[in-house]
Amino acid sequence: MGTPRFAGTILETLLTRPDPVVGVVCQPDRPRGRGLAVEPPAVKTLALAHGIEVLQPERVRDPSFLDALRALAPDLIVVAAYGRILPRTILDLPPQGCINVHASILPRHRGAAPIAHAIMAGDRTTGVSIMVMTEEMDAGDVLLVRETAIRPDDTTATLTERLAVLGGHAIGEAIDGLKAGTLRPTPQSDAGVTLAPRIERAHARLVWTRPAVELERLVRALQPAPAAFTTLDGKVLKVHRAAIASAGGTEVPGTVVAAGHSGIDVATGAGSLRLLEIQLEGKRRLDAAAFLAGHRVPPGTCLGG
């Protein structure tokens, strides 16, 4: 059970194993992209290419879906970024239960967006946890943990790709361990629990009174979507790439202090943030030098006002 590309990588690994994948459950096809064309989830495309039955319920409690799931008679359900809370009727359905590939080191970053929140928090390491699923979100016993470093230039896109591969290896190890009886579930500690809720538009706004180091992490955390943003002359200005420009400065946060070929430096609550790649509302994405060739952004300009 999974929906986006992260789950597709997990499925690719499962398809290399001797245990047959008897079915795939993912969310319904949704409109995506600028043209809002209806597209299938990554997992569905992969499953159909391998002749695997796909179920796409709007509601996981729908009786017809539950009947179809029972008809597949799974021994074990693997969940990876499915995007729905599973009821007890599903958790109890397979004899070996349901296990989840969660993209954090639990109990840190429980929730829908653990990768973005790990980058925003400035964590030096993250990883994947294979856990036994319960009705409480991401709170089940942990079977296996595998770690990886968060690189200084990691975005949610690059880190997701790496964690998906790590998760594929980990789920294989976990299944082998369950078969051999060598894995022992470890309850999560109540200490160290943090939450990683779904990214909303409010998370994406650059609040210039925050330190530059935090804003630079936010820009990376929100790539490729929804992208951090501010405003310029009343229009939304997305920031796709940024760097820390300096540690000093006394200018009012949000004030442009320099603009040139190297970027647009903006004062923050501590230091300056250099905008390297930006996109004005209704326009295409440009590096700062190309943007400045067509737009005047002199020092003293206020962003986000």
C-alpha atoms as a PDB file:
ATOM      1  CA  MET A   1       0.000   0.000   0.000  1.00  0.00           C
ATOM      2  CA  GLY A   2       1.601   3.227  -1.190  1.00  0.00           C
ATOM      3  CA  THR A   3       1.121   6.094  -3.611  1.00  0.00           C
ATOM      4  CA  PRO A   4       4.070   8.365  -4.642  1.00  0.00           C
ATOM      5  CA  ARG A   5       7.463   7.655  -6.182  1.00  0.00           C
ATOM      6  CA  PHE A   6       8.935   6.860  -2.734  1.00  0.00           C
ATOM      7  CA  ALA A   7       6.507   3.939  -2.482  1.00  0.00           C
ATOM      8  CA  GLY A   8       7.286   2.959  -6.059  1.00  0.00           C
ATOM      9  CA  THR A   9      10.934   2.412  -5.135  1.00  0.00           C
ATOM     10  CA  ILE A  10       9.848   0.179  -2.246  1.00  0.00           C
ATOM     11  CA  LEU A  11       7.628  -1.799  -4.610  1.00  0.00           C
ATOM     12  CA  GLU A  12      10.503  -2.199  -7.088  1.00  0.00           C
ATOM     13  CA  THR A  13      12.531  -3.865  -4.338  1.00  0.00           C
ATOM     14  CA  LEU A  14       9.668  -6.146  -3.312  1.00  0.00           C
ATOM     15  CA  LEU A  15       9.287  -7.254  -6.925  1.00  0.00           C
ATOM     16  CA  THR A  16      12.870  -8.584  -6.898  1.00  0.00           C
ATOM     17  CA  ARG A  17      12.122 -10.881  -3.975  1.00  0.00           C
ATOM     18  CA  PRO A  18      10.788 -14.462  -4.129  1.00  0.00           C
ATOM     19  CA  ASP A  19       7.608 -13.573  -2.202  1.00  0.00           C
ATOM     20  CA  PRO A  20       4.836 -12.718  -4.683  1.00  0.00           C
ATOM     21  CA  VAL A  21       3.201  -9.296  -4.531  1.00  0.00           C
ATOM     22  CA  VAL A  22      -0.476 -10.253  -4.779  1.00  0.00           C
ATOM     23  CA  GLY A  23      -1.860  -6.732  -5.054  1.00  0.00           C
ATOM     24  CA  VAL A  24      -1.222  -3.022  -4.746  1.00  0.00           C
ATOM     25  CA  VAL A  25      -3.385  -0.390  -3.059  1.00  0.00           C
ATOM     26  CA  CYS A  26      -2.869   3.291  -3.844  1.00  0.00           C
ATOM     27  CA  GLN A  27      -4.858   6.495  -3.846  1.00  0.00           C
ATOM     28  CA  PRO A  28      -7.090   7.325  -6.843  1.00  0.00           C
ATOM     29  CA  ASP A  29      -5.733   9.072  -9.934  1.00  0.00           C
ATOM     30  CA  ARG A  30      -5.566  12.826  -9.303  1.00  0.00           C
ATOM     31  CA  PRO A  31      -5.083  16.012 -11.386  1.00  0.00           C
ATOM     32  CA  ARG A  32      -1.392  16.995 -11.305  1.00  0.00           C
ATOM     33  CA  GLY A  33       0.978  19.550 -12.749  1.00  0.00           C
ATOM     34  CA  ARG A  34       0.292  22.943 -14.293  1.00  0.00           C
ATOM     35  CA  GLY A  35      -2.261  21.544 -16.744  1.00  0.00           C
ATOM     36  CA  LEU A  36      -4.030  19.565 -13.987  1.00  0.00           C
ATOM     37  CA  ALA A  37      -4.219  16.491 -16.203  1.00  0.00           C
ATOM     38  CA  VAL A  38      -5.418  13.405 -14.339  1.00  0.00           C
ATOM     39  CA  GLU A  39      -2.436  11.102 -13.805  1.00  0.00           C
ATOM     40  CA  PRO A  40      -2.053   7.728 -12.082  1.00  0.00           C
ATOM     41  CA  PRO A  41       0.166   7.437  -8.988  1.00  0.00           C
ATOM     42  CA  ALA A  42       3.704   6.140  -9.558  1.00  0.00           C
ATOM     43  CA  VAL A  43       2.889   2.895  -7.758  1.00  0.00           C
ATOM     44  CA  LYS A  44      -0.078   2.151 -10.016  1.00  0.00           C
ATOM     45  CA  THR A  45       1.979   2.601 -13.183  1.00  0.00           C
ATOM     46  CA  LEU A  46       4.646   0.218 -11.900  1.00  0.00           C
ATOM     47  CA  ALA A  47       2.140  -2.368 -10.667  1.00  0.00           C
ATOM     48  CA  LEU A  48       0.210  -2.478 -13.943  1.00  0.00           C
ATOM     49  CA  ALA A  49       3.469  -2.867 -15.882  1.00  0.00           C
ATOM     50  CA  HIS A  50       4.045  -6.070 -13.876  1.00  0.00           C
ATOM     51  CA  GLY A  51       0.485  -7.337 -14.223  1.00  0.00           C
ATOM     52  CA  ILE A  52      -0.375  -6.762 -10.549  1.00  0.00           C
ATOM     53  CA  GLU A  53      -3.940  -6.033  -9.484  1.00  0.00           C
ATOM     54  CA  VAL A  54      -4.426  -2.436  -8.300  1.00  0.00           C
ATOM     55  CA  LEU A  55      -7.093  -1.197  -5.869  1.00  0.00           C
ATOM     56  CA  GLN A  56      -7.743   2.567  -5.556  1.00  0.00           C
ATOM     57  CA  PRO A  57     -10.406   3.208  -2.929  1.00  0.00           C
ATOM     58  CA  GLU A  58     -11.599   6.721  -2.145  1.00  0.00           C
ATOM     59  CA  ARG A  59     -12.289   5.490   1.392  1.00  0.00           C
ATOM     60  CA  VAL A  60     -10.376   2.673   3.080  1.00  0.00           C
ATOM     61  CA  ARG A  61     -13.475   1.772   5.125  1.00  0.00           C
ATOM     62  CA  ASP A  62     -15.570   1.161   1.996  1.00  0.00           C
ATOM     63  CA  PRO A  63     -17.057  -2.364   2.318  1.00  0.00           C
ATOM     64  CA  SER A  64     -16.430  -3.201  -1.348  1.00  0.00           C
ATOM     65  CA  PHE A  65     -12.756  -2.299  -0.996  1.00  0.00           C
ATOM     66  CA  LEU A  66     -12.403  -4.377   2.160  1.00  0.00           C
ATOM     67  CA  ASP A  67     -13.980  -7.335   0.351  1.00  0.00           C
ATOM     68  CA  ALA A  68     -11.535  -6.927  -2.538  1.00  0.00           C
ATOM     69  CA  LEU A  69      -8.604  -6.710  -0.125  1.00  0.00           C
ATOM     70  CA  ARG A  70      -9.703  -9.866   1.683  1.00  0.00           C
ATOM     71  CA  ALA A  71      -9.998 -11.643  -1.669  1.00  0.00           C
ATOM     72  CA  LEU A  72      -6.269 -10.990  -2.268  1.00  0.00           C
ATOM     73  CA  ALA A  73      -5.559 -12.932   0.962  1.00  0.00           C
ATOM     74  CA  PRO A  74      -2.243 -11.203   1.779  1.00  0.00           C
ATOM     75  CA  ASP A  75       0.045 -12.777   4.388  1.00  0.00           C
ATOM     76  CA  LEU A  76       1.649  -9.399   5.089  1.00  0.00           C
ATOM     77  CA  ILE A  77       0.830  -5.809   4.130  1.00  0.00           C
ATOM     78  CA  VAL A  78       3.733  -3.422   3.524  1.00  0.00           C
ATOM     79  CA  VAL A  79       2.800   0.265   3.725  1.00  0.00           C
ATOM     80  CA  ALA A  80       4.960   3.101   2.369  1.00  0.00           C
ATOM     81  CA  ALA A  81       3.631   6.663   2.008  1.00  0.00           C
ATOM     82  CA  TYR A  82       0.079   5.496   1.330  1.00  0.00           C
ATOM     83  CA  GLY A  83      -1.397   8.706   2.720  1.00  0.00           C
ATOM     84  CA  ARG A  84      -4.304   7.288   4.736  1.00  0.00           C
ATOM     85  CA  ILE A  85      -4.738   6.129   8.337  1.00  0.00           C
ATOM     86  CA  LEU A  86      -5.594   2.427   8.298  1.00  0.00           C
ATOM     87  CA  PRO A  87      -8.493   1.177  10.451  1.00  0.00           C
ATOM     88  CA  ARG A  88      -8.280  -1.872  12.693  1.00  0.00           C
ATOM     89  CA  THR A  89     -10.184  -3.947  10.110  1.00  0.00           C
ATOM     90  CA  ILE A  90      -7.197  -3.646   7.744  1.00  0.00           C
ATOM     91  CA  LEU A  91      -4.472  -3.868  10.399  1.00  0.00           C
ATOM     92  CA  ASP A  92      -5.908  -7.200  11.573  1.00  0.00           C
ATOM     93  CA  LEU A  93      -6.536  -8.629   8.103  1.00  0.00           C
ATOM     94  CA  PRO A  94      -3.158 -10.220   7.169  1.00  0.00           C
ATOM     95  CA  PRO A  95      -1.889 -13.030   9.449  1.00  0.00           C
ATOM     96  CA  GLN A  96       1.540 -11.357   9.698  1.00  0.00           C
ATOM     97  CA  GLY A  97       0.085  -7.881  10.235  1.00  0.00           C
ATOM     98  CA  CYS A  98       0.941  -4.574   8.580  1.00  0.00           C
ATOM     99  CA  ILE A  99       4.416  -3.030   8.631  1.00  0.00           C
ATOM    100  CA  ASN A 100       5.320   0.483   7.574  1.00  0.00           C
ATOM    101  CA  VAL A 101       8.394   2.023   5.952  1.00  0.00           C
ATOM    102  CA  HIS A 102       8.626   5.405   7.697  1.00  0.00           C
ATOM    103  CA  ALA A 103      11.196   7.948   6.515  1.00  0.00           C
ATOM    104  CA  SER A 104      12.623   9.032   9.867  1.00  0.00           C
ATOM    105  CA  ILE A 105      14.292   7.597  12.940  1.00  0.00           C
ATOM    106  CA  LEU A 106      11.275   7.117  15.171  1.00  0.00           C
ATOM    107  CA  PRO A 107      10.011   8.496  17.484  1.00  0.00           C
ATOM    108  CA  ARG A 108      11.402  11.656  15.844  1.00  0.00           C
ATOM    109  CA  HIS A 109       9.255  13.151  13.056  1.00  0.00           C
ATOM    110  CA  ARG A 110       6.054  11.146  13.246  1.00  0.00           C
ATOM    111  CA  GLY A 111       3.641  12.283  10.573  1.00  0.00           C
ATOM    112  CA  ALA A 112       3.083  12.936   6.887  1.00  0.00           C
ATOM    113  CA  ALA A 113       6.210  14.983   6.054  1.00  0.00           C
ATOM    114  CA  PRO A 114       9.164  13.567   8.018  1.00  0.00           C
ATOM    115  CA  ILE A 115      11.782  14.283   5.339  1.00  0.00           C
ATOM    116  CA  ALA A 116      10.991  17.982   4.967  1.00  0.00           C
ATOM    117  CA  HIS A 117      10.776  18.453   8.731  1.00  0.00           C
ATOM    118  CA  ALA A 118      14.147  16.753   9.278  1.00  0.00           C
ATOM    119  CA  ILE A 119      15.789  19.238   6.902  1.00  0.00           C
ATOM    120  CA  MET A 120      13.951  22.205   8.429  1.00  0.00           C
ATOM    121  CA  ALA A 121      15.005  21.141  11.923  1.00  0.00           C
ATOM    122  CA  GLY A 122      18.667  21.003  10.911  1.00  0.00           C
ATOM    123  CA  ASP A 123      19.014  17.312  11.761  1.00  0.00           C
ATOM    124  CA  ARG A 124      22.425  15.894  10.843  1.00  0.00           C
ATOM    125  CA  THR A 125      21.112  12.356  10.353  1.00  0.00           C
ATOM    126  CA  THR A 126      17.845  10.704   9.451  1.00  0.00           C
ATOM    127  CA  GLY A 127      16.878   7.288   8.165  1.00  0.00           C
ATOM    128  CA  VAL A 128      14.081   4.783   7.791  1.00  0.00           C
ATOM    129  CA  SER A 129      12.208   2.901  10.482  1.00  0.00           C
ATOM    130  CA  ILE A 130      10.366  -0.327   9.754  1.00  0.00           C
ATOM    131  CA  MET A 131       7.553  -0.423  12.284  1.00  0.00           C
ATOM    132  CA  VAL A 132       4.541  -2.520  13.218  1.00  0.00           C
ATOM    133  CA  MET A 133       1.449  -0.489  12.412  1.00  0.00           C
ATOM    134  CA  THR A 134      -1.138   0.473  15.017  1.00  0.00           C
ATOM    135  CA  GLU A 135      -4.139   2.783  14.928  1.00  0.00           C
ATOM    136  CA  GLU A 136      -2.042   5.592  16.451  1.00  0.00           C
ATOM    137  CA  MET A 137      -0.045   7.360  13.745  1.00  0.00           C
ATOM    138  CA  ASP A 138       3.588   6.152  13.518  1.00  0.00           C
ATOM    139  CA  ALA A 139       3.550   4.992  17.141  1.00  0.00           C
ATOM    140  CA  GLY A 140       3.974   1.231  16.672  1.00  0.00           C
ATOM    141  CA  ASP A 141       6.893  -0.926  17.781  1.00  0.00           C
ATOM    142  CA  VAL A 142      10.042  -0.573  15.678  1.00  0.00           C
ATOM    143  CA  LEU A 143      11.486  -3.654  13.979  1.00  0.00           C
ATOM    144  CA  LEU A 144      14.495  -2.159  12.231  1.00  0.00           C
ATOM    145  CA  VAL A 145      16.247   1.211  11.755  1.00  0.00           C
ATOM    146  CA  ARG A 146      18.728   2.228   9.068  1.00  0.00           C
ATOM    147  CA  GLU A 147      20.410   5.651   9.146  1.00  0.00           C
ATOM    148  CA  THR A 148      21.929   8.078   6.630  1.00  0.00           C
ATOM    149  CA  ALA A 149      23.525  11.505   6.901  1.00  0.00           C
ATOM    150  CA  ILE A 150      21.684  14.625   5.754  1.00  0.00           C
ATOM    151  CA  ARG A 151      24.017  16.463   3.395  1.00  0.00           C
ATOM    152  CA  PRO A 152      24.389  20.277   3.520  1.00  0.00           C
ATOM    153  CA  ASP A 153      22.878  20.572   0.025  1.00  0.00           C
ATOM    154  CA  ASP A 154      20.097  17.996   0.437  1.00  0.00           C
ATOM    155  CA  THR A 155      16.603  18.959  -0.630  1.00  0.00           C
ATOM    156  CA  THR A 156      13.484  16.961   0.092  1.00  0.00           C
ATOM    157  CA  ALA A 157      13.770  15.630  -3.470  1.00  0.00           C
ATOM    158  CA  THR A 158      17.345  14.337  -3.131  1.00  0.00           C
ATOM    159  CA  LEU A 159      16.864  12.992   0.383  1.00  0.00           C
ATOM    160  CA  THR A 160      13.598  11.270  -0.539  1.00  0.00           C
ATOM    161  CA  GLU A 161      15.333   9.430  -3.367  1.00  0.00           C
ATOM    162  CA  ARG A 162      18.114   8.227  -1.072  1.00  0.00           C
ATOM    163  CA  LEU A 163      15.744   7.198   1.715  1.00  0.00           C
ATOM    164  CA  ALA A 164      13.540   5.298  -0.726  1.00  0.00           C
ATOM    165  CA  VAL A 165      16.505   3.144  -1.764  1.00  0.00           C
ATOM    166  CA  LEU A 166      17.487   2.694   1.898  1.00  0.00           C
ATOM    167  CA  GLY A 167      13.881   1.806   2.716  1.00  0.00           C
ATOM    168  CA  GLY A 168      13.810  -0.800  -0.028  1.00  0.00           C
ATOM    169  CA  HIS A 169      16.842  -2.552   1.435  1.00  0.00           C
ATOM    170  CA  ALA A 170      15.445  -2.242   4.966  1.00  0.00           C
ATOM    171  CA  ILE A 171      12.041  -3.717   4.138  1.00  0.00           C
ATOM    172  CA  GLY A 172      13.748  -6.719   2.560  1.00  0.00           C
ATOM    173  CA  GLU A 173      15.840  -7.213   5.696  1.00  0.00           C
ATOM    174  CA  ALA A 174      12.751  -6.890   7.857  1.00  0.00           C
ATOM    175  CA  ILE A 175      10.766  -9.468   5.894  1.00  0.00           C
ATOM    176  CA  ASP A 176      13.680 -11.902   6.076  1.00  0.00           C
ATOM    177  CA  GLY A 177      13.985 -11.257   9.814  1.00  0.00           C
ATOM    178  CA  LEU A 178      10.280 -11.835  10.375  1.00  0.00           C
ATOM    179  CA  LYS A 179      10.451 -15.113   8.464  1.00  0.00           C
ATOM    180  CA  ALA A 180      13.478 -16.258  10.463  1.00  0.00           C
ATOM    181  CA  GLY A 181      12.007 -15.090  13.768  1.00  0.00           C
ATOM    182  CA  THR A 182      15.107 -12.987  14.507  1.00  0.00           C
ATOM    183  CA  LEU A 183      13.433  -9.568  14.735  1.00  0.00           C
ATOM    184  CA  ARG A 184      12.152  -8.344  18.089  1.00  0.00           C
ATOM    185  CA  PRO A 185       9.746  -5.378  18.109  1.00  0.00           C
ATOM    186  CA  THR A 186      11.032  -2.499  20.255  1.00  0.00           C
ATOM    187  CA  PRO A 187       8.469  -0.103  21.763  1.00  0.00           C
ATOM    188  CA  GLN A 188       9.080   3.539  20.947  1.00  0.00           C
ATOM    189  CA  SER A 189      10.208   5.782  23.777  1.00  0.00           C
ATOM    190  CA  ASP A 190       7.824   8.515  24.878  1.00  0.00           C
ATOM    191  CA  ALA A 191      10.862  10.788  25.107  1.00  0.00           C
ATOM    192  CA  GLY A 192      12.012  12.403  21.887  1.00  0.00           C
ATOM    193  CA  VAL A 193       8.656  12.320  20.089  1.00  0.00           C
ATOM    194  CA  THR A 194       8.351  15.111  17.515  1.00  0.00           C
ATOM    195  CA  LEU A 195       5.647  15.611  14.906  1.00  0.00           C
ATOM    196  CA  ALA A 196       6.030  16.196  11.174  1.00  0.00           C
ATOM    197  CA  PRO A 197       2.637  17.364   9.925  1.00  0.00           C
ATOM    198  CA  ARG A 198       1.710  17.792   6.274  1.00  0.00           C
ATOM    199  CA  ILE A 199       3.312  20.867   4.690  1.00  0.00           C
ATOM    200  CA  GLU A 200       0.778  23.670   4.338  1.00  0.00           C
ATOM    201  CA  ARG A 201       1.115  27.028   2.581  1.00  0.00           C
ATOM    202  CA  ALA A 202       1.771  28.754   5.922  1.00  0.00           C
ATOM    203  CA  HIS A 203       4.943  26.669   6.355  1.00  0.00           C
ATOM    204  CA  ALA A 204       6.306  27.900   3.010  1.00  0.00           C
ATOM    205  CA  ARG A 205       6.360  31.654   3.675  1.00  0.00           C
ATOM    206  CA  LEU A 206       9.811  33.109   4.345  1.00  0.00           C
ATOM    207  CA  VAL A 207       9.532  34.997   7.636  1.00  0.00           C
ATOM    208  CA  TRP A 208      12.484  37.357   7.376  1.00  0.00           C
ATOM    209  CA  THR A 209      12.818  37.870  11.120  1.00  0.00           C
ATOM    210  CA  ARG A 210      14.042  34.274  11.397  1.00  0.00           C
ATOM    211  CA  PRO A 211      17.810  33.583  11.078  1.00  0.00           C
ATOM    212  CA  ALA A 212      19.286  33.050   7.619  1.00  0.00           C
ATOM    213  CA  VAL A 213      20.416  29.541   8.553  1.00  0.00           C
ATOM    214  CA  GLU A 214      16.799  28.506   9.234  1.00  0.00           C
ATOM    215  CA  LEU A 215      15.485  30.111   6.058  1.00  0.00           C
ATOM    216  CA  GLU A 216      18.125  28.389   3.924  1.00  0.00           C
ATOM    217  CA  ARG A 217      17.030  25.032   5.367  1.00  0.00           C
ATOM    218  CA  LEU A 218      13.395  25.909   4.681  1.00  0.00           C
ATOM    219  CA  VAL A 219      14.160  26.592   1.018  1.00  0.00           C
ATOM    220  CA  ARG A 220      15.808  23.172   0.669  1.00  0.00           C
ATOM    221  CA  ALA A 221      13.050  21.422   2.619  1.00  0.00           C
ATOM    222  CA  LEU A 222      10.340  22.720   0.294  1.00  0.00           C
ATOM    223  CA  GLN A 223      11.992  21.587  -2.943  1.00  0.00           C
ATOM    224  CA  PRO A 224      10.601  20.492  -5.308  1.00  0.00           C
ATOM    225  CA  ALA A 225       7.215  21.554  -3.919  1.00  0.00           C
ATOM    226  CA  PRO A 226       5.529  23.656  -2.739  1.00  0.00           C
ATOM    227  CA  ALA A 227       8.647  25.956  -2.758  1.00  0.00           C
ATOM    228  CA  ALA A 228       9.398  28.617  -0.180  1.00  0.00           C
ATOM    229  CA  PHE A 229       8.063  32.038  -1.095  1.00  0.00           C
ATOM    230  CA  THR A 230       8.015  35.716  -0.267  1.00  0.00           C
ATOM    231  CA  THR A 231       6.478  38.668  -2.138  1.00  0.00           C
ATOM    232  CA  LEU A 232       7.937  41.346  -4.401  1.00  0.00           C
ATOM    233  CA  ASP A 233       5.798  44.355  -5.312  1.00  0.00           C
ATOM    234  CA  GLY A 234       2.694  42.460  -4.223  1.00  0.00           C
ATOM    235  CA  LYS A 235       3.440  39.376  -6.326  1.00  0.00           C
ATOM    236  CA  VAL A 236       4.433  35.934  -5.055  1.00  0.00           C
ATOM    237  CA  LEU A 237       8.160  35.281  -5.469  1.00  0.00           C
ATOM    238  CA  LYS A 238       9.120  31.623  -5.098  1.00  0.00           C
ATOM    239  CA  VAL A 239      12.642  30.872  -3.902  1.00  0.00           C
ATOM    240  CA  HIS A 240      13.940  27.595  -5.326  1.00  0.00           C
ATOM    241  CA  ARG A 241      17.568  27.858  -4.262  1.00  0.00           C
ATOM    242  CA  ALA A 242      19.356  29.990  -1.675  1.00  0.00           C
ATOM    243  CA  ALA A 243      22.525  30.225   0.415  1.00  0.00           C
ATOM    244  CA  ILE A 244      23.678  31.957   3.575  1.00  0.00           C
ATOM    245  CA  ALA A 245      25.358  35.195   2.511  1.00  0.00           C
ATOM    246  CA  SER A 246      26.771  36.633   5.737  1.00  0.00           C
ATOM    247  CA  ALA A 247      26.560  36.482   9.502  1.00  0.00           C
ATOM    248  CA  GLY A 248      26.243  40.211  10.184  1.00  0.00           C
ATOM    249  CA  GLY A 249      24.163  43.185   9.133  1.00  0.00           C
ATOM    250  CA  THR A 250      21.827  45.608  10.893  1.00  0.00           C
ATOM    251  CA  GLU A 251      19.283  46.169   8.118  1.00  0.00           C
ATOM    252  CA  VAL A 252      15.583  45.606   8.712  1.00  0.00           C
ATOM    253  CA  PRO A 253      14.721  41.940   7.996  1.00  0.00           C
ATOM    254  CA  GLY A 254      13.345  41.519   4.484  1.00  0.00           C
ATOM    255  CA  THR A 255      15.419  44.380   3.051  1.00  0.00           C
ATOM    256  CA  VAL A 256      17.513  43.737  -0.060  1.00  0.00           C
ATOM    257  CA  VAL A 257      21.097  44.664   0.854  1.00  0.00           C
ATOM    258  CA  ALA A 258      22.775  43.715  -2.434  1.00  0.00           C
ATOM    259  CA  ALA A 259      21.744  42.473  -5.889  1.00  0.00           C
ATOM    260  CA  GLY A 260      24.096  41.294  -8.603  1.00  0.00           C
ATOM    261  CA  HIS A 261      25.432  38.353 -10.580  1.00  0.00           C
ATOM    262  CA  SER A 262      26.055  36.344  -7.405  1.00  0.00           C
ATOM    263  CA  GLY A 263      22.463  36.680  -6.203  1.00  0.00           C
ATOM    264  CA  ILE A 264      20.058  38.840  -4.249  1.00  0.00           C
ATOM    265  CA  ASP A 265      21.078  39.267  -0.594  1.00  0.00           C
ATOM    266  CA  VAL A 266      18.231  39.819   1.836  1.00  0.00           C
ATOM    267  CA  ALA A 267      18.599  40.792   5.493  1.00  0.00           C
ATOM    268  CA  THR A 268      17.148  38.360   8.024  1.00  0.00           C
ATOM    269  CA  GLY A 269      16.872  38.174  11.792  1.00  0.00           C
ATOM    270  CA  ALA A 270      20.481  36.946  11.864  1.00  0.00           C
ATOM    271  CA  GLY A 271      22.677  37.311   8.791  1.00  0.00           C
ATOM    272  CA  SER A 272      21.621  37.557   5.152  1.00  0.00           C
ATOM    273  CA  LEU A 273      20.071  35.045   2.781  1.00  0.00           C
ATOM    274  CA  ARG A 274      21.288  34.993  -0.835  1.00  0.00           C
ATOM    275  CA  LEU A 275      18.534  34.158  -3.314  1.00  0.00           C
ATOM    276  CA  LEU A 276      20.082  32.143  -6.157  1.00  0.00           C
ATOM    277  CA  GLU A 277      17.119  30.835  -8.143  1.00  0.00           C
ATOM    278  CA  ILE A 278      13.712  32.464  -8.063  1.00  0.00           C
ATOM    279  CA  GLN A 279      10.369  32.576  -9.860  1.00  0.00           C
ATOM    280  CA  LEU A 280       8.026  35.527  -9.971  1.00  0.00           C
ATOM    281  CA  GLU A 281       4.299  34.809 -10.045  1.00  0.00           C
ATOM    282  CA  GLY A 282       3.239  33.845 -13.587  1.00  0.00           C
ATOM    283  CA  LYS A 283       6.819  33.678 -14.855  1.00  0.00           C
ATOM    284  CA  ARG A 284       9.376  30.929 -15.355  1.00  0.00           C
ATOM    285  CA  ARG A 285      12.089  29.878 -12.937  1.00  0.00           C
ATOM    286  CA  LEU A 286      15.351  31.853 -13.368  1.00  0.00           C
ATOM    287  CA  ASP A 287      18.741  32.182 -11.725  1.00  0.00           C
ATOM    288  CA  ALA A 288      19.191  35.512  -9.951  1.00  0.00           C
ATOM    289  CA  ALA A 289      21.401  37.069 -12.640  1.00  0.00           C
ATOM    290  CA  ALA A 290      18.873  36.303 -15.389  1.00  0.00           C
ATOM    291  CA  PHE A 291      16.035  37.580 -13.221  1.00  0.00           C
ATOM    292  CA  LEU A 292      17.841  40.863 -12.503  1.00  0.00           C
ATOM    293  CA  ALA A 293      18.415  41.384 -16.217  1.00  0.00           C
ATOM    294  CA  GLY A 294      14.673  41.910 -16.594  1.00  0.00           C
ATOM    295  CA  HIS A 295      13.660  43.200 -13.139  1.00  0.00           C
ATOM    296  CA  ARG A 296      15.108  46.011 -11.044  1.00  0.00           C
ATOM    297  CA  VAL A 297      15.560  44.993  -7.427  1.00  0.00           C
ATOM    298  CA  PRO A 298      17.760  47.747  -5.983  1.00  0.00           C
ATOM    299  CA  PRO A 299      19.170  47.697  -2.436  1.00  0.00           C
ATOM    300  CA  GLY A 300      16.531  48.940  -0.025  1.00  0.00           C
ATOM    301  CA  THR A 301      13.726  47.002  -1.712  1.00  0.00           C
ATOM    302  CA  CYS A 302      11.532  45.316   0.888  1.00  0.00           C
ATOM    303  CA  LEU A 303      10.434  41.703   0.322  1.00  0.00           C
ATOM    304  CA  GLY A 304       7.438  40.162   2.000  1.00  0.00           C
ATOM    305  CA  GLY A 305       5.784  43.435   2.896  1.00  0.00           C
END
